[in-house]
Amino acid sequence: MSERPAAPPRSAAGAALKRALLLLVAAAVLAGCWLVPLEPLAREQLRAGLQRSLTAFAAARALGAVLSVAQGTQLDVKPAGVGLSLAPGQALKPLNELVDRFAAVMLAASVAFGIQLLMLGIGGHVAVSVALTAVLLAWLVLRWRADSAAASAERAAVGADAPGARKDAAAARALRWLSPVFAGLLLVRFAVPAVGLANEGVYRAVMAGEYQSALAVIEASPEQVVGRTQPAAPAEEGLLERLKRWSERATDLRAGYEAILQAAGEWTRTMVRLIALFVVQTVLLPLGFLWLMWRLSRAIAGSAALR
């Protein structure tokens, strides 16, 4: 009997701590909405990612263009107006198709960054901030009252203050449907900026060097193709000179195409590395960070704790 009066002080201290945490959460959310918005910094980081993907796309299209020209190179052997045509450049067709697919992936990555920029504008609209502020205030009042629901239930059990207990029960029921709405608005307002900043942080810490080295290989590849397949300027010459030039040209083209196909192994590995990098940055990391933001939003709203 002498130990029972010690319980109320501990309960009061716990309630005070919960209310202090509620006020801290409310202040942080309001500051993120109105005082220190994350959108400008996140927009800058997303635009940097978009520029990287567009640069890789442009490099891929440049390589594809010179490969298409080299693929269409023909050798005409017509010493007396009759002869044959050879198309050694068709050996580059598989490589050209691979480059086209790589360019398509880079374009898809650019679209993904563009979608994130669009969602950033939607989430940062003033209407979303106003709605989140209104729901936050309602949630704060209801949660404040819900914290005293246990004490009200005890009073109702002994027949005291039954109207107050009913009000607290109604507040708890309203909080059950308002908490998911609050969590959803938190996600809409802060998910894209947070994901964009976290994604860029991971890129700079882990993937920046990989991207720069791979992009340098792709950007230098068109010059290698042009230098090895550029035809010589025609000149006035006799039959023997034409045959000699054709023989030399055939030898040079064969050596050039063989060198291109050997270099294609490195280009293929480089393109696979870039594809993996952008898939991680535009698919895996955003989904992972989005899941974490959803869990954090639910934890802040307290919807998982209410049963």
Protein backbone atom coordinates (compact mmCIF):
# COMPACT_ATOMS: atom_id res chain seq x y z
CA MET A 1 0.00 0.00 0.00
CA SER A 2 2.84 2.36 0.75
CA GLU A 3 4.43 1.82 -2.69
CA ARG A 4 1.36 2.67 -4.79
CA PRO A 5 1.64 6.51 -4.54
CA ALA A 6 5.06 6.29 -6.29
CA ALA A 7 3.45 5.22 -9.58
CA PRO A 8 1.78 8.54 -10.51
CA PRO A 9 5.04 10.54 -10.62
CA ARG A 10 6.58 8.05 -13.02
CA SER A 11 3.44 8.17 -15.18
CA ALA A 12 3.49 11.96 -15.16
CA ALA A 13 7.14 12.00 -16.16
CA GLY A 14 6.45 9.59 -19.03
CA ALA A 15 3.53 11.69 -20.23
CA ALA A 16 5.65 14.84 -20.11
CA LEU A 17 8.37 13.15 -22.15
CA LYS A 18 5.86 11.98 -24.77
CA ARG A 19 4.41 15.45 -25.08
CA ALA A 20 7.87 16.96 -25.42
CA LEU A 21 8.61 14.51 -28.24
CA LEU A 22 5.30 15.41 -29.91
CA LEU A 23 6.20 19.10 -29.80
CA LEU A 24 9.66 18.34 -31.17
CA VAL A 25 8.20 16.35 -34.09
CA ALA A 26 5.71 19.12 -34.82
CA ALA A 27 8.43 21.78 -34.77
CA ALA A 28 10.65 19.73 -37.09
CA VAL A 29 7.83 19.14 -39.58
CA LEU A 30 6.78 22.79 -39.60
CA ALA A 31 10.38 23.92 -40.02
CA GLY A 32 10.81 21.53 -42.97
CA CYS A 33 7.63 22.86 -44.55
CA TRP A 34 8.11 26.58 -44.12
CA LEU A 35 11.48 27.62 -42.67
CA VAL A 36 14.18 25.32 -44.05
CA PRO A 37 12.79 23.64 -47.20
CA LEU A 38 14.91 20.90 -48.74
CA GLU A 39 13.64 21.38 -52.29
CA PRO A 40 16.31 23.79 -53.64
CA LEU A 41 19.19 21.57 -52.59
CA ALA A 42 17.43 18.38 -53.68
CA ARG A 43 16.56 19.94 -57.05
CA GLU A 44 20.22 20.81 -57.60
CA GLN A 45 21.28 17.24 -56.83
CA LEU A 46 18.62 15.71 -59.09
CA ARG A 47 19.60 18.01 -61.93
CA ALA A 48 23.21 16.88 -61.50
CA GLY A 49 22.07 13.26 -61.84
CA LEU A 50 19.99 14.15 -64.89
CA GLN A 51 23.01 15.86 -66.47
CA ARG A 52 25.13 12.76 -65.90
CA SER A 53 22.61 10.46 -67.54
CA LEU A 54 22.15 12.82 -70.49
CA THR A 55 25.92 13.05 -70.94
CA ALA A 56 26.17 9.26 -71.05
CA PHE A 57 23.24 9.16 -73.49
CA ALA A 58 24.93 11.71 -75.78
CA ALA A 59 28.21 9.76 -75.69
CA ALA A 60 26.35 6.57 -76.58
CA ARG A 61 24.57 8.23 -79.50
CA ALA A 62 27.88 9.62 -80.79
CA LEU A 63 29.44 6.16 -80.65
CA GLY A 64 26.38 4.67 -82.34
CA ALA A 65 26.55 7.24 -85.14
CA VAL A 66 30.17 6.50 -86.06
CA LEU A 67 29.53 2.75 -85.77
CA SER A 68 26.63 3.10 -88.20
CA VAL A 69 28.89 4.89 -90.67
CA ALA A 70 31.58 2.25 -90.27
CA GLN A 71 28.99 -0.51 -90.60
CA GLY A 72 27.86 0.89 -93.94
CA THR A 73 31.38 1.09 -95.40
CA GLN A 74 31.70 -0.82 -98.69
CA LEU A 75 34.54 -1.76 -100.99
CA ASP A 76 33.69 -1.70 -104.70
CA VAL A 77 35.94 -3.81 -106.94
CA LYS A 78 35.07 -2.92 -110.55
CA PRO A 79 38.22 -2.80 -112.63
CA ALA A 80 36.36 -2.77 -115.96
CA GLY A 81 32.94 -1.57 -114.84
CA VAL A 82 31.98 -5.04 -113.67
CA GLY A 83 32.90 -6.49 -110.31
CA LEU A 84 31.64 -6.92 -106.74
CA SER A 85 31.01 -4.99 -103.57
CA LEU A 86 32.20 -6.03 -100.11
CA ALA A 87 30.66 -4.86 -96.83
CA PRO A 88 33.13 -5.70 -94.06
CA GLY A 89 31.45 -3.21 -91.75
CA GLN A 90 28.54 -5.60 -91.16
CA ALA A 91 30.77 -7.29 -88.57
CA LEU A 92 30.05 -4.25 -86.36
CA LYS A 93 26.27 -4.76 -86.39
CA PRO A 94 26.06 -6.61 -83.02
CA LEU A 95 28.18 -3.93 -81.37
CA ASN A 96 26.03 -1.19 -82.87
CA GLU A 97 22.86 -2.86 -81.55
CA LEU A 98 24.40 -3.11 -78.08
CA VAL A 99 25.23 0.61 -78.15
CA ASP A 100 21.63 1.38 -79.16
CA ARG A 101 20.32 -0.58 -76.18
CA PHE A 102 22.78 1.15 -73.88
CA ALA A 103 21.57 4.53 -75.16
CA ALA A 104 17.98 3.45 -74.47
CA VAL A 105 18.87 2.62 -70.85
CA MET A 106 20.57 6.00 -70.43
CA LEU A 107 17.46 7.68 -71.82
CA ALA A 108 15.31 5.73 -69.35
CA ALA A 109 17.59 6.86 -66.51
CA SER A 110 17.16 10.46 -67.68
CA VAL A 111 13.39 9.98 -67.63
CA ALA A 112 13.63 8.60 -64.08
CA PHE A 113 15.49 11.71 -62.92
CA GLY A 114 12.93 13.87 -64.72
CA ILE A 115 10.09 12.10 -62.91
CA GLN A 116 11.80 12.73 -59.58
CA LEU A 117 12.12 16.41 -60.44
CA LEU A 118 8.42 16.52 -61.31
CA MET A 119 7.47 14.78 -58.05
CA LEU A 120 9.73 17.19 -56.18
CA GLY A 121 7.74 20.10 -57.56
CA ILE A 122 4.44 18.45 -56.62
CA GLY A 123 5.54 17.61 -53.08
CA GLY A 124 6.99 21.08 -52.57
CA HIS A 125 3.81 22.88 -53.62
CA VAL A 126 2.38 25.24 -51.04
CA ALA A 127 -0.94 23.35 -51.03
CA VAL A 128 0.81 20.22 -49.77
CA SER A 129 2.51 22.20 -47.01
CA VAL A 130 -0.80 23.79 -45.99
CA ALA A 131 -2.55 20.41 -45.92
CA LEU A 132 0.28 18.84 -43.92
CA THR A 133 0.24 21.72 -41.44
CA ALA A 134 -3.50 21.40 -40.90
CA VAL A 135 -3.35 17.63 -40.48
CA LEU A 136 -0.33 17.99 -38.17
CA LEU A 137 -2.20 20.35 -35.86
CA ALA A 138 -5.24 18.08 -35.75
CA TRP A 139 -3.05 15.04 -35.21
CA LEU A 140 -1.17 16.83 -32.42
CA VAL A 141 -4.38 17.71 -30.57
CA LEU A 142 -5.81 14.22 -30.93
CA ARG A 143 -2.55 12.55 -29.93
CA TRP A 144 -2.30 14.84 -26.93
CA ARG A 145 -5.72 13.75 -25.80
CA ALA A 146 -5.08 10.11 -26.67
CA ASP A 147 -2.14 10.03 -24.26
CA SER A 148 -4.63 10.44 -21.38
CA ALA A 149 -6.97 7.70 -22.66
CA ALA A 150 -5.65 5.08 -20.22
CA ALA A 151 -6.28 7.28 -17.21
CA SER A 152 -9.74 8.14 -18.51
CA ALA A 153 -10.50 4.45 -18.97
CA GLU A 154 -9.56 3.81 -15.36
CA ARG A 155 -11.84 6.61 -14.23
CA ALA A 156 -14.67 5.25 -16.33
CA ALA A 157 -14.15 1.79 -14.86
CA VAL A 158 -14.92 3.12 -11.38
CA GLY A 159 -17.79 5.22 -12.66
CA ALA A 160 -16.07 8.58 -12.50
CA ASP A 161 -15.92 11.08 -15.33
CA ALA A 162 -17.67 8.82 -17.87
CA PRO A 163 -18.25 11.72 -20.33
CA GLY A 164 -14.52 12.51 -20.32
CA ALA A 165 -13.69 8.88 -20.98
CA ARG A 166 -16.07 8.82 -23.92
CA LYS A 167 -14.42 11.92 -25.37
CA ASP A 168 -10.99 10.35 -25.06
CA ALA A 169 -12.24 7.19 -26.74
CA ALA A 170 -13.64 9.28 -29.61
CA ALA A 171 -10.29 11.06 -29.93
CA ALA A 172 -8.50 7.71 -30.09
CA ARG A 173 -10.84 6.51 -32.84
CA ALA A 174 -10.28 9.71 -34.84
CA LEU A 175 -6.54 9.27 -34.41
CA ARG A 176 -6.73 5.80 -35.95
CA TRP A 177 -7.71 7.15 -39.37
CA LEU A 178 -5.87 10.48 -39.10
CA SER A 179 -2.46 8.91 -38.41
CA PRO A 180 -2.21 7.16 -41.84
CA VAL A 181 -3.24 10.41 -43.53
CA PHE A 182 -0.53 12.24 -41.62
CA ALA A 183 2.04 9.57 -42.57
CA GLY A 184 1.02 9.78 -46.23
CA LEU A 185 1.35 13.57 -46.30
CA LEU A 186 4.76 13.33 -44.63
CA LEU A 187 5.81 10.95 -47.38
CA VAL A 188 4.49 13.19 -50.17
CA ARG A 189 6.11 16.29 -48.70
CA PHE A 190 9.52 14.98 -47.67
CA ALA A 191 10.18 11.65 -49.42
CA VAL A 192 11.50 12.94 -52.75
CA PRO A 193 13.81 15.62 -51.28
CA ALA A 194 15.20 13.18 -48.72
CA VAL A 195 15.63 10.41 -51.29
CA GLY A 196 17.30 12.77 -53.76
CA LEU A 197 19.78 14.05 -51.17
CA ALA A 198 20.56 10.58 -49.82
CA ASN A 199 20.93 9.18 -53.34
CA GLU A 200 23.38 11.90 -54.35
CA GLY A 201 25.32 11.37 -51.14
CA VAL A 202 25.75 7.68 -51.92
CA TYR A 203 26.79 8.53 -55.49
CA ARG A 204 29.48 10.95 -54.38
CA ALA A 205 30.79 8.59 -51.71
CA VAL A 206 30.84 5.38 -53.76
CA MET A 207 30.05 5.77 -57.46
CA ALA A 208 31.54 9.08 -58.66
CA GLY A 209 34.94 7.67 -59.61
CA GLU A 210 33.36 4.68 -61.37
CA TYR A 211 31.16 6.97 -63.44
CA GLN A 212 33.98 9.30 -64.48
CA SER A 213 36.29 6.50 -65.59
CA ALA A 214 33.55 4.68 -67.50
CA LEU A 215 32.33 7.85 -69.20
CA ALA A 216 35.88 8.69 -70.32
CA VAL A 217 36.10 5.33 -72.11
CA ILE A 218 32.78 5.82 -73.91
CA GLU A 219 33.55 9.41 -74.92
CA ALA A 220 36.94 8.43 -76.41
CA SER A 221 35.54 5.46 -78.38
CA PRO A 222 34.16 7.39 -81.43
CA GLU A 223 37.63 8.72 -82.27
CA GLN A 224 38.99 5.17 -82.28
CA VAL A 225 36.30 4.07 -84.74
CA VAL A 226 36.76 7.04 -87.07
CA GLY A 227 40.54 6.73 -87.08
CA ARG A 228 40.41 3.09 -88.10
CA THR A 229 37.66 3.17 -90.73
CA GLN A 230 38.05 6.58 -92.39
CA PRO A 231 38.35 5.98 -96.16
CA ALA A 232 41.12 7.58 -98.15
CA ALA A 233 40.31 10.30 -100.67
CA PRO A 234 39.88 8.97 -104.22
CA ALA A 235 42.38 10.00 -106.84
CA GLU A 236 42.79 9.68 -110.60
CA GLU A 237 44.68 6.47 -111.19
CA GLY A 238 45.01 3.59 -113.58
CA LEU A 239 43.83 0.02 -113.28
CA LEU A 240 46.95 -1.26 -111.53
CA GLU A 241 46.91 1.64 -109.10
CA ARG A 242 43.24 1.02 -108.32
CA LEU A 243 43.88 -2.67 -107.68
CA LYS A 244 46.82 -1.83 -105.47
CA ARG A 245 44.82 0.77 -103.56
CA TRP A 246 41.95 -1.67 -103.14
CA SER A 247 44.30 -4.31 -101.74
CA GLU A 248 45.85 -1.87 -99.31
CA ARG A 249 42.47 -0.51 -98.33
CA ALA A 250 41.09 -4.00 -97.72
CA THR A 251 44.08 -4.81 -95.51
CA ASP A 252 43.72 -1.54 -93.57
CA LEU A 253 39.98 -2.00 -93.09
CA ARG A 254 40.40 -5.55 -91.88
CA ALA A 255 43.03 -4.49 -89.37
CA GLY A 256 40.86 -1.54 -88.31
CA TYR A 257 37.74 -3.64 -87.79
CA GLU A 258 39.72 -6.24 -85.87
CA ALA A 259 41.07 -3.51 -83.60
CA ILE A 260 37.55 -2.13 -83.11
CA LEU A 261 36.20 -5.56 -82.22
CA GLN A 262 39.01 -6.05 -79.73
CA ALA A 263 38.29 -2.67 -78.14
CA ALA A 264 34.59 -3.56 -78.12
CA GLY A 265 35.23 -5.93 -75.22
CA GLU A 266 36.26 -3.00 -73.03
CA TRP A 267 33.40 -0.88 -74.33
CA THR A 268 30.92 -3.63 -73.48
CA ARG A 269 32.23 -3.97 -69.94
CA THR A 270 32.14 -0.20 -69.56
CA MET A 271 28.54 0.04 -70.77
CA VAL A 272 27.49 -2.74 -68.40
CA ARG A 273 29.14 -0.86 -65.52
CA LEU A 274 27.29 2.33 -66.42
CA ILE A 275 23.99 0.49 -66.77
CA ALA A 276 24.46 -1.09 -63.35
CA LEU A 277 25.38 2.29 -61.84
CA PHE A 278 22.29 4.05 -63.17
CA VAL A 279 19.97 1.15 -62.31
CA VAL A 280 21.22 1.32 -58.73
CA GLN A 281 20.89 5.10 -58.64
CA THR A 282 17.47 5.40 -60.31
CA VAL A 283 15.75 2.19 -59.14
CA LEU A 284 17.30 0.34 -56.21
CA LEU A 285 18.43 3.25 -54.04
CA PRO A 286 15.23 5.32 -54.50
CA LEU A 287 13.06 2.31 -53.66
CA GLY A 288 15.16 1.50 -50.59
CA PHE A 289 15.18 5.07 -49.33
CA LEU A 290 11.46 5.39 -50.07
CA TRP A 291 10.75 2.31 -47.96
CA LEU A 292 12.81 3.77 -45.13
CA MET A 293 10.93 7.07 -45.42
CA TRP A 294 7.60 5.25 -45.27
CA ARG A 295 8.67 3.39 -42.14
CA LEU A 296 9.88 6.64 -40.59
CA SER A 297 6.65 8.43 -41.50
CA ARG A 298 4.59 5.68 -39.91
CA ALA A 299 6.77 5.76 -36.82
CA ILE A 300 6.39 9.54 -36.52
CA ALA A 301 2.64 9.41 -37.04
CA GLY A 302 2.37 6.59 -34.52
CA SER A 303 -0.02 4.63 -36.71
CA ALA A 304 1.86 1.38 -36.10
CA ALA A 305 1.57 1.81 -32.35
CA LEU A 306 -2.17 2.29 -32.34
CA ARG A 307 -4.27 -0.86 -32.22
